[in-house]
């Protein structure tokens, strides 16, 4: 087995894979839990690792596994809670590129984390999420280990909106169904765009469902395939977006805590002065982005490249995103009244 041979080379010892189980989730990439027995060398003994590799088909903006591995190493070096990255391998012998990391205990499922009574006190987790995001945002370009991200754009959001328009044109041309709410939301994003802010490293998918919680505390941030340069409020707006609050729409910060508590902890760590009003435009951008991703996932299914109920259902979520976009546009135009 290719992975077993690679692990033997990595550890300098004979490795036997005892368990191989695909983990739930991972619509963009595949995560496989492995239990291994290392016979000899400094890592001798039994270990529980995760092999992260490509799904049968992906989305264009996803980073490669080699790039994602580098991002996790940089984030860990900055004090961000991530799994320990171990080894990375290019595609070979018919097996796609993959990397190996320590398996971290915890719960990631959003519907479980936001369930009433799941945690006696969410204040500590809210602070953890804010402080770790601030540490991530302290990483700024240029960075020698992140040259593959390229030179930051003068306005990352302008580039994003242009790509959204290109994709909606592509969707209309290939699938044939117009998306009037998304087109209108996109135009509102273009007209209400705030002045460009500081550029730093973003996770670009920092939300409930993409981190592990153990004993009520943040254990690790997962899924770095979308990371890149951007403005800090983009990550915060993504976490605050209603689509990531699961069963707790009243808890703006990912269904876990309130916006003020999150921003107080973030500002104290980052030295910023953001308030909830600053995040509303970026919540609109977040729902536009999620809507486009939903269309991309649906297209993977409709094209026949990867028939999947999960991908098809993701496409069916579009109407609720559109409704929230309409509400956010109203708030941006007329305030809370």
C-alpha atoms as a PDB file:
ATOM      1  CA  UNK A   1       0.000   0.000   0.000  1.00  0.00           C
ATOM      2  CA  UNK A   2       1.400   3.382  -1.096  1.00  0.00           C
ATOM      3  CA  UNK A   3       0.578   5.280   2.113  1.00  0.00           C
ATOM      4  CA  UNK A   4       2.093   2.541   4.274  1.00  0.00           C
ATOM      5  CA  UNK A   5       5.326   2.628   2.264  1.00  0.00           C
ATOM      6  CA  UNK A   6       5.478   6.435   2.605  1.00  0.00           C
ATOM      7  CA  UNK A   7       4.954   6.263   6.365  1.00  0.00           C
ATOM      8  CA  UNK A   8       7.727   3.700   6.678  1.00  0.00           C
ATOM      9  CA  UNK A   9      10.040   6.058   4.826  1.00  0.00           C
ATOM     10  CA  UNK A  10       8.924   9.016   6.992  1.00  0.00           C
ATOM     11  CA  UNK A  11       9.518   7.234  10.278  1.00  0.00           C
ATOM     12  CA  UNK A  12      12.572   5.253   9.225  1.00  0.00           C
ATOM     13  CA  UNK A  13      10.927   2.107  10.515  1.00  0.00           C
ATOM     14  CA  UNK A  14       8.459  -0.585   9.538  1.00  0.00           C
ATOM     15  CA  UNK A  15       4.895   0.736   9.735  1.00  0.00           C
ATOM     16  CA  UNK A  16       1.760  -1.386   9.800  1.00  0.00           C
ATOM     17  CA  UNK A  17      -1.632   0.262   9.265  1.00  0.00           C
ATOM     18  CA  UNK A  18      -4.107  -1.225  11.736  1.00  0.00           C
ATOM     19  CA  UNK A  19      -7.168   0.922  10.955  1.00  0.00           C
ATOM     20  CA  UNK A  20      -8.217   2.935   7.909  1.00  0.00           C
ATOM     21  CA  UNK A  21     -11.516   4.818   8.212  1.00  0.00           C
ATOM     22  CA  UNK A  22     -12.812   7.746   6.217  1.00  0.00           C
ATOM     23  CA  UNK A  23     -14.069  10.472   8.526  1.00  0.00           C
ATOM     24  CA  UNK A  24     -17.427  12.201   8.106  1.00  0.00           C
ATOM     25  CA  UNK A  25     -17.582  15.503   6.247  1.00  0.00           C
ATOM     26  CA  UNK A  26     -14.850  16.580   3.896  1.00  0.00           C
ATOM     27  CA  UNK A  27     -16.936  17.469   0.840  1.00  0.00           C
ATOM     28  CA  UNK A  28     -13.905  19.211  -0.697  1.00  0.00           C
ATOM     29  CA  UNK A  29     -11.128  16.917   0.604  1.00  0.00           C
ATOM     30  CA  UNK A  30     -11.032  13.486   2.217  1.00  0.00           C
ATOM     31  CA  UNK A  31      -9.867  12.873   5.787  1.00  0.00           C
ATOM     32  CA  UNK A  32      -8.936   9.315   6.705  1.00  0.00           C
ATOM     33  CA  UNK A  33      -8.328   8.272  10.309  1.00  0.00           C
ATOM     34  CA  UNK A  34      -5.509   5.746  10.588  1.00  0.00           C
ATOM     35  CA  UNK A  35      -4.152   3.802  13.511  1.00  0.00           C
ATOM     36  CA  UNK A  36      -0.593   2.644  12.903  1.00  0.00           C
ATOM     37  CA  UNK A  37       2.016   0.548  14.625  1.00  0.00           C
ATOM     38  CA  UNK A  38       5.585   1.796  14.160  1.00  0.00           C
ATOM     39  CA  UNK A  39       8.174  -0.906  14.790  1.00  0.00           C
ATOM     40  CA  UNK A  40      11.409   0.828  15.747  1.00  0.00           C
ATOM     41  CA  UNK A  41      12.934   4.287  15.560  1.00  0.00           C
ATOM     42  CA  UNK A  42      12.077   7.404  17.583  1.00  0.00           C
ATOM     43  CA  UNK A  43       8.342   7.019  16.884  1.00  0.00           C
ATOM     44  CA  UNK A  44       8.151   3.373  17.915  1.00  0.00           C
ATOM     45  CA  UNK A  45       4.719   2.415  19.172  1.00  0.00           C
ATOM     46  CA  UNK A  46       1.062   2.918  18.263  1.00  0.00           C
ATOM     47  CA  UNK A  47      -0.168   6.220  16.853  1.00  0.00           C
ATOM     48  CA  UNK A  48      -3.425   7.765  15.663  1.00  0.00           C
ATOM     49  CA  UNK A  49      -2.982  10.025  12.648  1.00  0.00           C
ATOM     50  CA  UNK A  50      -5.124  11.596   9.936  1.00  0.00           C
ATOM     51  CA  UNK A  51      -4.325  11.264   6.244  1.00  0.00           C
ATOM     52  CA  UNK A  52      -5.747  14.211   4.289  1.00  0.00           C
ATOM     53  CA  UNK A  53      -6.024  13.752   0.545  1.00  0.00           C
ATOM     54  CA  UNK A  54      -7.988  14.966  -2.479  1.00  0.00           C
ATOM     55  CA  UNK A  55     -11.609  14.119  -3.119  1.00  0.00           C
ATOM     56  CA  UNK A  56     -12.431  12.642  -6.559  1.00  0.00           C
ATOM     57  CA  UNK A  57     -13.247  16.162  -7.784  1.00  0.00           C
ATOM     58  CA  UNK A  58     -12.776  19.544  -6.195  1.00  0.00           C
ATOM     59  CA  UNK A  59     -13.357  23.275  -6.617  1.00  0.00           C
ATOM     60  CA  UNK A  60     -10.980  25.563  -8.450  1.00  0.00           C
ATOM     61  CA  UNK A  61     -10.090  27.779  -5.478  1.00  0.00           C
ATOM     62  CA  UNK A  62      -8.993  24.906  -3.251  1.00  0.00           C
ATOM     63  CA  UNK A  63      -5.303  24.813  -2.303  1.00  0.00           C
ATOM     64  CA  UNK A  64      -3.200  21.752  -3.059  1.00  0.00           C
ATOM     65  CA  UNK A  65      -2.333  19.386  -0.235  1.00  0.00           C
ATOM     66  CA  UNK A  66       1.288  20.558  -0.317  1.00  0.00           C
ATOM     67  CA  UNK A  67       0.151  24.179   0.073  1.00  0.00           C
ATOM     68  CA  UNK A  68      -2.317  23.324   2.814  1.00  0.00           C
ATOM     69  CA  UNK A  69       0.426  21.488   4.706  1.00  0.00           C
ATOM     70  CA  UNK A  70       2.646  24.591   4.512  1.00  0.00           C
ATOM     71  CA  UNK A  71      -0.193  26.806   5.744  1.00  0.00           C
ATOM     72  CA  UNK A  72      -0.801  24.619   8.782  1.00  0.00           C
ATOM     73  CA  UNK A  73       2.908  24.678   9.647  1.00  0.00           C
ATOM     74  CA  UNK A  74       3.001  28.486   9.465  1.00  0.00           C
ATOM     75  CA  UNK A  75      -0.185  28.830  11.527  1.00  0.00           C
ATOM     76  CA  UNK A  76       1.150  26.481  14.196  1.00  0.00           C
ATOM     77  CA  UNK A  77       4.354  28.490  14.346  1.00  0.00           C
ATOM     78  CA  UNK A  78       2.274  31.614  15.033  1.00  0.00           C
ATOM     79  CA  UNK A  79       0.575  29.977  18.024  1.00  0.00           C
ATOM     80  CA  UNK A  80      -2.690  29.060  16.286  1.00  0.00           C
ATOM     81  CA  UNK A  81      -4.251  25.820  17.535  1.00  0.00           C
ATOM     82  CA  UNK A  82      -3.950  23.334  14.681  1.00  0.00           C
ATOM     83  CA  UNK A  83      -3.096  19.631  14.452  1.00  0.00           C
ATOM     84  CA  UNK A  84       0.623  18.884  14.391  1.00  0.00           C
ATOM     85  CA  UNK A  85       1.553  18.482  10.696  1.00  0.00           C
ATOM     86  CA  UNK A  86       3.891  15.535  10.182  1.00  0.00           C
ATOM     87  CA  UNK A  87       4.708  14.656   6.550  1.00  0.00           C
ATOM     88  CA  UNK A  88       3.549  15.557   3.071  1.00  0.00           C
ATOM     89  CA  UNK A  89       3.767  13.511  -0.161  1.00  0.00           C
ATOM     90  CA  UNK A  90       3.154  14.321  -3.805  1.00  0.00           C
ATOM     91  CA  UNK A  91       0.874  12.159  -5.940  1.00  0.00           C
ATOM     92  CA  UNK A  92       2.479   8.832  -6.899  1.00  0.00           C
ATOM     93  CA  UNK A  93       1.614   5.233  -7.781  1.00  0.00           C
ATOM     94  CA  UNK A  94      -1.957   6.190  -8.643  1.00  0.00           C
ATOM     95  CA  UNK A  95      -2.567   7.727  -5.208  1.00  0.00           C
ATOM     96  CA  UNK A  96      -3.246  11.492  -4.981  1.00  0.00           C
ATOM     97  CA  UNK A  97      -1.109  13.927  -2.986  1.00  0.00           C
ATOM     98  CA  UNK A  98      -1.648  13.676   0.762  1.00  0.00           C
ATOM     99  CA  UNK A  99      -0.298  14.837   4.085  1.00  0.00           C
ATOM    100  CA  UNK A 100      -0.317  13.307   7.543  1.00  0.00           C
ATOM    101  CA  UNK A 101      -1.093  15.069  10.815  1.00  0.00           C
ATOM    102  CA  UNK A 102      -1.753  14.088  14.406  1.00  0.00           C
ATOM    103  CA  UNK A 103      -5.348  13.179  15.157  1.00  0.00           C
ATOM    104  CA  UNK A 104      -6.810  15.615  17.698  1.00  0.00           C
ATOM    105  CA  UNK A 105      -9.657  14.569  19.982  1.00  0.00           C
ATOM    106  CA  UNK A 106     -12.799  16.650  19.920  1.00  0.00           C
ATOM    107  CA  UNK A 107     -16.181  17.404  18.365  1.00  0.00           C
ATOM    108  CA  UNK A 108     -16.549  19.398  15.143  1.00  0.00           C
ATOM    109  CA  UNK A 109     -20.210  18.896  14.191  1.00  0.00           C
ATOM    110  CA  UNK A 110     -21.961  22.250  14.358  1.00  0.00           C
ATOM    111  CA  UNK A 111     -25.367  20.834  15.256  1.00  0.00           C
ATOM    112  CA  UNK A 112     -23.795  19.157  18.312  1.00  0.00           C
ATOM    113  CA  UNK A 113     -21.723  22.130  19.454  1.00  0.00           C
ATOM    114  CA  UNK A 114     -24.643  24.558  19.278  1.00  0.00           C
ATOM    115  CA  UNK A 115     -27.185  22.190  20.828  1.00  0.00           C
ATOM    116  CA  UNK A 116     -28.680  23.592  24.058  1.00  0.00           C
ATOM    117  CA  UNK A 117     -26.763  22.218  27.027  1.00  0.00           C
ATOM    118  CA  UNK A 118     -23.832  21.009  24.921  1.00  0.00           C
ATOM    119  CA  UNK A 119     -21.529  23.264  26.929  1.00  0.00           C
ATOM    120  CA  UNK A 120     -22.117  24.688  30.376  1.00  0.00           C
ATOM    121  CA  UNK A 121     -20.272  27.896  29.498  1.00  0.00           C
ATOM    122  CA  UNK A 122     -19.509  29.041  25.960  1.00  0.00           C
ATOM    123  CA  UNK A 123     -17.563  32.148  27.040  1.00  0.00           C
ATOM    124  CA  UNK A 124     -14.194  30.355  27.080  1.00  0.00           C
ATOM    125  CA  UNK A 125     -14.729  28.865  23.625  1.00  0.00           C
ATOM    126  CA  UNK A 126     -15.793  32.261  22.269  1.00  0.00           C
ATOM    127  CA  UNK A 127     -12.543  33.781  23.584  1.00  0.00           C
ATOM    128  CA  UNK A 128     -10.506  30.890  22.174  1.00  0.00           C
ATOM    129  CA  UNK A 129     -12.005  31.381  18.734  1.00  0.00           C
ATOM    130  CA  UNK A 130     -11.388  35.121  18.800  1.00  0.00           C
ATOM    131  CA  UNK A 131      -7.836  34.971  20.123  1.00  0.00           C
ATOM    132  CA  UNK A 132      -6.772  32.248  17.683  1.00  0.00           C
ATOM    133  CA  UNK A 133      -8.187  34.164  14.746  1.00  0.00           C
ATOM    134  CA  UNK A 134      -6.297  37.267  15.879  1.00  0.00           C
ATOM    135  CA  UNK A 135      -3.062  35.238  16.046  1.00  0.00           C
ATOM    136  CA  UNK A 136      -3.668  33.996  12.518  1.00  0.00           C
ATOM    137  CA  UNK A 137      -4.272  37.553  11.315  1.00  0.00           C
ATOM    138  CA  UNK A 138      -0.917  38.597  12.765  1.00  0.00           C
ATOM    139  CA  UNK A 139       0.715  36.703   9.860  1.00  0.00           C
ATOM    140  CA  UNK A 140       1.285  39.255   7.116  1.00  0.00           C
ATOM    141  CA  UNK A 141       2.939  39.263   3.705  1.00  0.00           C
ATOM    142  CA  UNK A 142       5.579  38.756   2.573  1.00  0.00           C
ATOM    143  CA  UNK A 143       6.216  35.412   4.252  1.00  0.00           C
ATOM    144  CA  UNK A 144       9.023  33.130   3.012  1.00  0.00           C
ATOM    145  CA  UNK A 145       7.044  29.910   3.571  1.00  0.00           C
ATOM    146  CA  UNK A 146       3.946  31.252   1.795  1.00  0.00           C
ATOM    147  CA  UNK A 147       5.339  32.516  -1.479  1.00  0.00           C
ATOM    148  CA  UNK A 148       2.869  30.289  -3.340  1.00  0.00           C
ATOM    149  CA  UNK A 149       0.079  32.639  -2.206  1.00  0.00           C
ATOM    150  CA  UNK A 150       1.532  35.274  -4.498  1.00  0.00           C
ATOM    151  CA  UNK A 151       1.630  39.039  -4.027  1.00  0.00           C
ATOM    152  CA  UNK A 152      -1.476  40.309  -2.188  1.00  0.00           C
ATOM    153  CA  UNK A 153      -3.958  42.138  -4.377  1.00  0.00           C
ATOM    154  CA  UNK A 154      -4.629  45.819  -3.769  1.00  0.00           C
ATOM    155  CA  UNK A 155      -8.247  44.897  -3.018  1.00  0.00           C
ATOM    156  CA  UNK A 156      -8.922  41.180  -2.485  1.00  0.00           C
ATOM    157  CA  UNK A 157     -12.665  41.771  -2.264  1.00  0.00           C
ATOM    158  CA  UNK A 158     -12.738  43.388  -5.726  1.00  0.00           C
ATOM    159  CA  UNK A 159     -11.017  40.309  -7.128  1.00  0.00           C
ATOM    160  CA  UNK A 160     -13.482  38.041  -5.309  1.00  0.00           C
ATOM    161  CA  UNK A 161     -16.507  39.924  -6.657  1.00  0.00           C
ATOM    162  CA  UNK A 162     -15.111  39.763 -10.194  1.00  0.00           C
ATOM    163  CA  UNK A 163     -14.680  35.992  -9.840  1.00  0.00           C
ATOM    164  CA  UNK A 164     -18.257  35.712  -8.544  1.00  0.00           C
ATOM    165  CA  UNK A 165     -19.551  37.550 -11.581  1.00  0.00           C
ATOM    166  CA  UNK A 166     -17.510  35.322 -13.890  1.00  0.00           C
ATOM    167  CA  UNK A 167     -18.878  32.197 -12.213  1.00  0.00           C
ATOM    168  CA  UNK A 168     -22.495  33.367 -12.337  1.00  0.00           C
ATOM    169  CA  UNK A 169     -22.015  34.046 -16.056  1.00  0.00           C
ATOM    170  CA  UNK A 170     -20.532  30.540 -16.413  1.00  0.00           C
ATOM    171  CA  UNK A 171     -23.458  29.003 -14.512  1.00  0.00           C
ATOM    172  CA  UNK A 172     -26.015  30.761 -16.692  1.00  0.00           C
ATOM    173  CA  UNK A 173     -24.200  29.667 -19.844  1.00  0.00           C
ATOM    174  CA  UNK A 174     -23.703  26.015 -18.847  1.00  0.00           C
ATOM    175  CA  UNK A 175     -26.681  25.207 -16.595  1.00  0.00           C
ATOM    176  CA  UNK A 176     -29.097  27.716 -18.089  1.00  0.00           C
ATOM    177  CA  UNK A 177     -30.832  28.953 -14.934  1.00  0.00           C
ATOM    178  CA  UNK A 178     -30.445  32.634 -13.951  1.00  0.00           C
ATOM    179  CA  UNK A 179     -29.681  33.637 -10.354  1.00  0.00           C
ATOM    180  CA  UNK A 180     -31.340  37.070  -9.934  1.00  0.00           C
ATOM    181  CA  UNK A 181     -30.976  37.321  -6.137  1.00  0.00           C
ATOM    182  CA  UNK A 182     -27.274  36.514  -6.328  1.00  0.00           C
ATOM    183  CA  UNK A 183     -26.803  38.996  -9.160  1.00  0.00           C
ATOM    184  CA  UNK A 184     -28.547  41.683  -7.112  1.00  0.00           C
ATOM    185  CA  UNK A 185     -26.591  40.806  -3.966  1.00  0.00           C
ATOM    186  CA  UNK A 186     -23.371  40.956  -5.968  1.00  0.00           C
ATOM    187  CA  UNK A 187     -24.262  44.415  -7.253  1.00  0.00           C
ATOM    188  CA  UNK A 188     -25.003  45.579  -3.693  1.00  0.00           C
ATOM    189  CA  UNK A 189     -21.600  44.267  -2.568  1.00  0.00           C
ATOM    190  CA  UNK A 190     -19.958  46.263  -5.340  1.00  0.00           C
ATOM    191  CA  UNK A 191     -21.804  49.482  -4.458  1.00  0.00           C
ATOM    192  CA  UNK A 192     -21.425  49.242  -0.644  1.00  0.00           C
ATOM    193  CA  UNK A 193     -17.753  48.227  -0.622  1.00  0.00           C
ATOM    194  CA  UNK A 194     -15.827  49.805   2.307  1.00  0.00           C
ATOM    195  CA  UNK A 195     -12.310  51.251   1.916  1.00  0.00           C
ATOM    196  CA  UNK A 196      -9.569  48.632   1.662  1.00  0.00           C
ATOM    197  CA  UNK A 197      -8.104  47.552   5.002  1.00  0.00           C
ATOM    198  CA  UNK A 198      -4.991  45.767   6.266  1.00  0.00           C
ATOM    199  CA  UNK A 199      -3.996  42.582   4.424  1.00  0.00           C
ATOM    200  CA  UNK A 200      -3.100  39.452   6.419  1.00  0.00           C
ATOM    201  CA  UNK A 201      -3.422  35.676   6.263  1.00  0.00           C
ATOM    202  CA  UNK A 202      -7.029  34.489   6.327  1.00  0.00           C
ATOM    203  CA  UNK A 203      -8.354  31.003   6.938  1.00  0.00           C
ATOM    204  CA  UNK A 204     -11.230  31.770   4.534  1.00  0.00           C
ATOM    205  CA  UNK A 205     -13.427  29.083   6.100  1.00  0.00           C
ATOM    206  CA  UNK A 206     -13.212  29.942   9.806  1.00  0.00           C
ATOM    207  CA  UNK A 207     -16.563  28.779  11.138  1.00  0.00           C
ATOM    208  CA  UNK A 208     -18.349  26.296  13.338  1.00  0.00           C
ATOM    209  CA  UNK A 209     -17.899  22.875  11.783  1.00  0.00           C
ATOM    210  CA  UNK A 210     -14.255  23.532  10.906  1.00  0.00           C
ATOM    211  CA  UNK A 211     -12.765  23.378  14.376  1.00  0.00           C
ATOM    212  CA  UNK A 212     -12.580  20.753  17.097  1.00  0.00           C
ATOM    213  CA  UNK A 213     -13.813  21.342  20.641  1.00  0.00           C
ATOM    214  CA  UNK A 214     -12.691  19.225  23.582  1.00  0.00           C
ATOM    215  CA  UNK A 215     -14.041  19.799  27.118  1.00  0.00           C
ATOM    216  CA  UNK A 216     -15.519  23.124  26.074  1.00  0.00           C
ATOM    217  CA  UNK A 217     -12.260  24.562  24.699  1.00  0.00           C
ATOM    218  CA  UNK A 218     -10.882  24.989  21.210  1.00  0.00           C
ATOM    219  CA  UNK A 219      -8.675  22.006  20.373  1.00  0.00           C
ATOM    220  CA  UNK A 220      -7.750  22.623  16.733  1.00  0.00           C
ATOM    221  CA  UNK A 221      -8.753  24.591  13.643  1.00  0.00           C
ATOM    222  CA  UNK A 222      -9.245  22.371  10.587  1.00  0.00           C
ATOM    223  CA  UNK A 223      -9.590  22.590   6.788  1.00  0.00           C
ATOM    224  CA  UNK A 224      -7.097  25.144   5.494  1.00  0.00           C
ATOM    225  CA  UNK A 225      -7.627  24.549   1.771  1.00  0.00           C
ATOM    226  CA  UNK A 226      -9.068  28.034   1.108  1.00  0.00           C
ATOM    227  CA  UNK A 227      -6.514  30.092   3.073  1.00  0.00           C
ATOM    228  CA  UNK A 228      -4.957  33.154   1.455  1.00  0.00           C
ATOM    229  CA  UNK A 229      -4.359  36.871   1.785  1.00  0.00           C
ATOM    230  CA  UNK A 230      -7.261  39.172   2.589  1.00  0.00           C
ATOM    231  CA  UNK A 231      -8.769  41.604   5.068  1.00  0.00           C
ATOM    232  CA  UNK A 232      -9.389  40.512   8.700  1.00  0.00           C
ATOM    233  CA  UNK A 233     -13.097  41.388   8.647  1.00  0.00           C
ATOM    234  CA  UNK A 234     -13.666  38.885   5.861  1.00  0.00           C
ATOM    235  CA  UNK A 235     -12.869  35.977   8.215  1.00  0.00           C
ATOM    236  CA  UNK A 236     -14.953  37.521  11.011  1.00  0.00           C
ATOM    237  CA  UNK A 237     -17.898  38.127   8.689  1.00  0.00           C
ATOM    238  CA  UNK A 238     -17.719  34.506   7.549  1.00  0.00           C
ATOM    239  CA  UNK A 239     -17.861  33.219  11.135  1.00  0.00           C
ATOM    240  CA  UNK A 240     -20.713  35.638  11.945  1.00  0.00           C
ATOM    241  CA  UNK A 241     -22.781  34.667   8.894  1.00  0.00           C
ATOM    242  CA  UNK A 242     -26.164  33.243   9.852  1.00  0.00           C
ATOM    243  CA  UNK A 243     -25.569  30.074   7.808  1.00  0.00           C
ATOM    244  CA  UNK A 244     -22.914  28.973  10.353  1.00  0.00           C
ATOM    245  CA  UNK A 245     -25.001  29.461  13.503  1.00  0.00           C
ATOM    246  CA  UNK A 246     -26.836  26.157  13.054  1.00  0.00           C
ATOM    247  CA  UNK A 247     -29.588  25.926  15.697  1.00  0.00           C
ATOM    248  CA  UNK A 248     -28.600  29.145  17.496  1.00  0.00           C
ATOM    249  CA  UNK A 249     -29.288  32.136  15.226  1.00  0.00           C
ATOM    250  CA  UNK A 250     -29.256  34.368  18.322  1.00  0.00           C
ATOM    251  CA  UNK A 251     -25.544  33.656  18.884  1.00  0.00           C
ATOM    252  CA  UNK A 252     -23.911  35.617  16.111  1.00  0.00           C
ATOM    253  CA  UNK A 253     -20.387  34.271  16.646  1.00  0.00           C
ATOM    254  CA  UNK A 254     -20.797  30.882  14.986  1.00  0.00           C
ATOM    255  CA  UNK A 255     -23.806  29.868  17.074  1.00  0.00           C
ATOM    256  CA  UNK A 256     -21.471  29.807  20.098  1.00  0.00           C
ATOM    257  CA  UNK A 257     -21.230  33.311  21.567  1.00  0.00           C
ATOM    258  CA  UNK A 258     -22.415  36.860  21.089  1.00  0.00           C
ATOM    259  CA  UNK A 259     -20.708  39.248  18.717  1.00  0.00           C
ATOM    260  CA  UNK A 260     -19.596  41.731  21.382  1.00  0.00           C
ATOM    261  CA  UNK A 261     -17.794  39.088  23.469  1.00  0.00           C
ATOM    262  CA  UNK A 262     -16.016  37.722  20.398  1.00  0.00           C
ATOM    263  CA  UNK A 263     -14.969  41.151  19.162  1.00  0.00           C
ATOM    264  CA  UNK A 264     -13.792  42.261  22.611  1.00  0.00           C
ATOM    265  CA  UNK A 265     -11.441  39.261  22.785  1.00  0.00           C
ATOM    266  CA  UNK A 266     -10.332  39.665  19.173  1.00  0.00           C
ATOM    267  CA  UNK A 267      -9.655  43.394  19.549  1.00  0.00           C
ATOM    268  CA  UNK A 268      -7.718  42.859  22.785  1.00  0.00           C
ATOM    269  CA  UNK A 269      -5.408  40.389  21.022  1.00  0.00           C
ATOM    270  CA  UNK A 270      -5.143  42.093  17.643  1.00  0.00           C
ATOM    271  CA  UNK A 271      -5.120  45.725  18.780  1.00  0.00           C
ATOM    272  CA  UNK A 272      -8.090  46.593  16.558  1.00  0.00           C
ATOM    273  CA  UNK A 273     -11.376  48.395  17.276  1.00  0.00           C
ATOM    274  CA  UNK A 274     -13.939  46.455  15.259  1.00  0.00           C
ATOM    275  CA  UNK A 275     -17.619  46.443  16.237  1.00  0.00           C
ATOM    276  CA  UNK A 276     -20.548  44.405  14.925  1.00  0.00           C
ATOM    277  CA  UNK A 277     -21.582  47.059  12.405  1.00  0.00           C
ATOM    278  CA  UNK A 278     -18.202  46.650  10.716  1.00  0.00           C
ATOM    279  CA  UNK A 279     -18.996  42.977  10.057  1.00  0.00           C
ATOM    280  CA  UNK A 280     -22.366  43.356   8.301  1.00  0.00           C
ATOM    281  CA  UNK A 281     -21.013  44.081   4.841  1.00  0.00           C
ATOM    282  CA  UNK A 282     -18.731  41.064   5.216  1.00  0.00           C
ATOM    283  CA  UNK A 283     -21.642  38.888   6.310  1.00  0.00           C
ATOM    284  CA  UNK A 284     -23.292  39.794   3.006  1.00  0.00           C
ATOM    285  CA  UNK A 285     -20.074  38.897   1.159  1.00  0.00           C
ATOM    286  CA  UNK A 286     -20.009  35.620   3.127  1.00  0.00           C
ATOM    287  CA  UNK A 287     -23.489  34.622   1.993  1.00  0.00           C
ATOM    288  CA  UNK A 288     -22.671  35.526  -1.591  1.00  0.00           C
ATOM    289  CA  UNK A 289     -19.530  33.409  -1.385  1.00  0.00           C
ATOM    290  CA  UNK A 290     -21.357  30.450   0.205  1.00  0.00           C
ATOM    291  CA  UNK A 291     -24.036  30.705  -2.462  1.00  0.00           C
ATOM    292  CA  UNK A 292     -21.443  30.456  -5.223  1.00  0.00           C
ATOM    293  CA  UNK A 293     -19.789  27.503  -3.445  1.00  0.00           C
ATOM    294  CA  UNK A 294     -23.220  25.827  -3.210  1.00  0.00           C
ATOM    295  CA  UNK A 295     -23.636  26.231  -6.957  1.00  0.00           C
ATOM    296  CA  UNK A 296     -20.148  24.825  -7.543  1.00  0.00           C
ATOM    297  CA  UNK A 297     -20.910  21.816  -5.354  1.00  0.00           C
ATOM    298  CA  UNK A 298     -24.203  21.266  -7.155  1.00  0.00           C
ATOM    299  CA  UNK A 299     -22.397  21.495 -10.496  1.00  0.00           C
ATOM    300  CA  UNK A 300     -19.991  18.723  -9.408  1.00  0.00           C
ATOM    301  CA  UNK A 301     -23.057  16.513  -8.919  1.00  0.00           C
ATOM    302  CA  UNK A 302     -25.000  17.650 -11.989  1.00  0.00           C
ATOM    303  CA  UNK A 303     -21.996  17.237 -14.279  1.00  0.00           C
ATOM    304  CA  UNK A 304     -21.701  13.571 -13.334  1.00  0.00           C
ATOM    305  CA  UNK A 305     -18.080  14.032 -12.222  1.00  0.00           C
ATOM    306  CA  UNK A 306     -19.029  13.070  -8.650  1.00  0.00           C
ATOM    307  CA  UNK A 307     -22.608  11.995  -8.033  1.00  0.00           C
ATOM    308  CA  UNK A 308     -23.275  12.666  -4.369  1.00  0.00           C
ATOM    309  CA  UNK A 309     -26.368  13.276  -2.271  1.00  0.00           C
ATOM    310  CA  UNK A 310     -24.333  15.611  -0.037  1.00  0.00           C
ATOM    311  CA  UNK A 311     -23.278  17.745  -3.002  1.00  0.00           C
ATOM    312  CA  UNK A 312     -26.821  17.808  -4.386  1.00  0.00           C
ATOM    313  CA  UNK A 313     -28.286  18.855  -1.020  1.00  0.00           C
ATOM    314  CA  UNK A 314     -25.697  21.626  -0.693  1.00  0.00           C
ATOM    315  CA  UNK A 315     -27.080  23.097  -3.909  1.00  0.00           C
ATOM    316  CA  UNK A 316     -30.599  22.907  -2.465  1.00  0.00           C
ATOM    317  CA  UNK A 317     -29.574  25.215   0.412  1.00  0.00           C
ATOM    318  CA  UNK A 318     -29.398  28.226  -1.902  1.00  0.00           C
ATOM    319  CA  UNK A 319     -32.855  29.733  -1.113  1.00  0.00           C
ATOM    320  CA  UNK A 320     -32.051  30.200   2.593  1.00  0.00           C
ATOM    321  CA  UNK A 321     -28.793  31.946   1.678  1.00  0.00           C
ATOM    322  CA  UNK A 322     -30.693  34.212  -0.704  1.00  0.00           C
ATOM    323  CA  UNK A 323     -33.211  35.157   1.990  1.00  0.00           C
ATOM    324  CA  UNK A 324     -30.444  36.143   4.391  1.00  0.00           C
ATOM    325  CA  UNK A 325     -28.749  38.165   1.655  1.00  0.00           C
ATOM    326  CA  UNK A 326     -31.971  40.128   1.139  1.00  0.00           C
ATOM    327  CA  UNK A 327     -32.191  40.782   4.889  1.00  0.00           C
ATOM    328  CA  UNK A 328     -28.567  41.939   5.051  1.00  0.00           C
ATOM    329  CA  UNK A 329     -28.973  44.261   2.071  1.00  0.00           C
ATOM    330  CA  UNK A 330     -31.988  45.815   3.795  1.00  0.00           C
ATOM    331  CA  UNK A 331     -29.932  46.329   6.977  1.00  0.00           C
ATOM    332  CA  UNK A 332     -27.047  47.885   5.068  1.00  0.00           C
ATOM    333  CA  UNK A 333     -29.386  50.239   3.215  1.00  0.00           C
ATOM    334  CA  UNK A 334     -31.823  51.180   5.985  1.00  0.00           C
ATOM    335  CA  UNK A 335     -30.178  50.169   9.290  1.00  0.00           C
ATOM    336  CA  UNK A 336     -31.723  47.976  11.973  1.00  0.00           C
ATOM    337  CA  UNK A 337     -35.067  49.700  12.032  1.00  0.00           C
END
